[in-house]
């Protein structure tokens, strides 16, 4: 059975070999404040489809903050 970290990498189409220097902990440390901000905003908006709203929020955030994207070494 794959670990949570391996499952995350697999879902992103990555293998452990591709992500030699990739740190799941580092990724989550970047993601947690963004998710907290998103969930706070979602609570205020109370959207009909919260999953779709959250997906759109995160996609917009990624577009506006490209420096926060995880960089993988080749």
C-alpha atoms as a PDB file:
ATOM      1  CA  UNK A   1       0.000   0.000   0.000  1.00  0.00           C
ATOM      2  CA  UNK A   2       1.332   3.444  -0.950  1.00  0.00           C
ATOM      3  CA  UNK A   3       1.987   6.096   1.676  1.00  0.00           C
ATOM      4  CA  UNK A   4       0.052   9.361   1.631  1.00  0.00           C
ATOM      5  CA  UNK A   5       3.087  11.109   0.141  1.00  0.00           C
ATOM      6  CA  UNK A   6       3.457   8.508  -2.588  1.00  0.00           C
ATOM      7  CA  UNK A   7      -0.257   8.754  -3.345  1.00  0.00           C
ATOM      8  CA  UNK A   8       0.063  12.541  -3.648  1.00  0.00           C
ATOM      9  CA  UNK A   9       2.959  12.188  -6.071  1.00  0.00           C
ATOM     10  CA  UNK A  10       1.174   9.522  -8.100  1.00  0.00           C
ATOM     11  CA  UNK A  11      -1.940  11.693  -8.380  1.00  0.00           C
ATOM     12  CA  UNK A  12       0.250  14.456  -9.794  1.00  0.00           C
ATOM     13  CA  UNK A  13       1.726  12.037 -12.347  1.00  0.00           C
ATOM     14  CA  UNK A  14       5.112  12.014 -10.612  1.00  0.00           C
ATOM     15  CA  UNK A  15       7.266   9.147  -9.455  1.00  0.00           C
ATOM     16  CA  UNK A  16       9.647   9.136  -6.483  1.00  0.00           C
ATOM     17  CA  UNK A  17      12.526   9.121  -8.992  1.00  0.00           C
ATOM     18  CA  UNK A  18      11.199  12.333 -10.584  1.00  0.00           C
ATOM     19  CA  UNK A  19      10.956  13.970  -7.207  1.00  0.00           C
ATOM     20  CA  UNK A  20      14.311  13.130  -5.676  1.00  0.00           C
ATOM     21  CA  UNK A  21      14.471  16.503  -3.892  1.00  0.00           C
ATOM     22  CA  UNK A  22      10.722  17.013  -3.566  1.00  0.00           C
ATOM     23  CA  UNK A  23       9.543  17.336   0.007  1.00  0.00           C
ATOM     24  CA  UNK A  24       5.910  16.643   0.788  1.00  0.00           C
ATOM     25  CA  UNK A  25       6.363  18.475   4.075  1.00  0.00           C
ATOM     26  CA  UNK A  26       7.601  21.568   2.221  1.00  0.00           C
ATOM     27  CA  UNK A  27       4.676  21.337  -0.187  1.00  0.00           C
ATOM     28  CA  UNK A  28       2.184  21.114   2.670  1.00  0.00           C
ATOM     29  CA  UNK A  29       3.831  24.023   4.493  1.00  0.00           C
ATOM     30  CA  UNK A  30       3.169  26.158   1.410  1.00  0.00           C
ATOM     31  CA  UNK A  31      -0.319  24.782   0.894  1.00  0.00           C
ATOM     32  CA  UNK A  32      -1.686  25.072   4.442  1.00  0.00           C
ATOM     33  CA  UNK A  33      -1.850  28.913   4.615  1.00  0.00           C
ATOM     34  CA  UNK A  34      -3.415  29.027   1.148  1.00  0.00           C
ATOM     35  CA  UNK A  35      -6.062  26.492   2.148  1.00  0.00           C
ATOM     36  CA  UNK A  36      -6.802  28.382   5.362  1.00  0.00           C
ATOM     37  CA  UNK A  37      -7.278  31.593   3.369  1.00  0.00           C
ATOM     38  CA  UNK A  38      -9.458  29.790   0.831  1.00  0.00           C
ATOM     39  CA  UNK A  39     -11.651  28.151   3.462  1.00  0.00           C
ATOM     40  CA  UNK A  40     -12.106  31.464   5.250  1.00  0.00           C
ATOM     41  CA  UNK A  41     -13.163  33.157   2.010  1.00  0.00           C
ATOM     42  CA  UNK A  42     -15.445  30.235   1.159  1.00  0.00           C
ATOM     43  CA  UNK A  43     -17.169  30.509   4.539  1.00  0.00           C
ATOM     44  CA  UNK A  44     -17.972  34.171   3.811  1.00  0.00           C
ATOM     45  CA  UNK A  45     -19.260  33.460   0.289  1.00  0.00           C
ATOM     46  CA  UNK A  46     -21.168  30.265   1.147  1.00  0.00           C
ATOM     47  CA  UNK A  47     -21.126  28.930  -2.443  1.00  0.00           C
ATOM     48  CA  UNK A  48     -23.699  26.420  -3.702  1.00  0.00           C
ATOM     49  CA  UNK A  49     -20.924  24.070  -4.864  1.00  0.00           C
ATOM     50  CA  UNK A  50     -18.061  24.388  -2.366  1.00  0.00           C
ATOM     51  CA  UNK A  51     -15.811  21.844  -4.101  1.00  0.00           C
ATOM     52  CA  UNK A  52     -16.051  23.647  -7.444  1.00  0.00           C
ATOM     53  CA  UNK A  53     -15.568  27.008  -5.711  1.00  0.00           C
ATOM     54  CA  UNK A  54     -12.466  25.790  -3.872  1.00  0.00           C
ATOM     55  CA  UNK A  55     -10.994  24.319  -7.062  1.00  0.00           C
ATOM     56  CA  UNK A  56     -11.520  27.637  -8.852  1.00  0.00           C
ATOM     57  CA  UNK A  57     -10.035  29.594  -5.934  1.00  0.00           C
ATOM     58  CA  UNK A  58      -6.909  27.436  -5.886  1.00  0.00           C
ATOM     59  CA  UNK A  59      -6.532  27.638  -9.665  1.00  0.00           C
ATOM     60  CA  UNK A  60      -6.842  31.438  -9.537  1.00  0.00           C
ATOM     61  CA  UNK A  61      -4.376  31.600  -6.648  1.00  0.00           C
ATOM     62  CA  UNK A  62      -1.853  29.503  -8.567  1.00  0.00           C
ATOM     63  CA  UNK A  63      -2.160  31.837 -11.545  1.00  0.00           C
ATOM     64  CA  UNK A  64      -1.639  34.938  -9.390  1.00  0.00           C
ATOM     65  CA  UNK A  65       1.234  33.447  -7.344  1.00  0.00           C
ATOM     66  CA  UNK A  66       3.378  31.392  -9.743  1.00  0.00           C
ATOM     67  CA  UNK A  67       6.421  31.722  -7.443  1.00  0.00           C
ATOM     68  CA  UNK A  68       4.730  29.360  -4.964  1.00  0.00           C
ATOM     69  CA  UNK A  69       4.581  26.456  -7.377  1.00  0.00           C
ATOM     70  CA  UNK A  70       6.738  23.499  -6.477  1.00  0.00           C
ATOM     71  CA  UNK A  71       9.871  23.298  -8.565  1.00  0.00           C
ATOM     72  CA  UNK A  72      11.218  19.855  -9.376  1.00  0.00           C
ATOM     73  CA  UNK A  73      14.837  19.190 -10.257  1.00  0.00           C
ATOM     74  CA  UNK A  74      15.405  17.216 -13.443  1.00  0.00           C
END
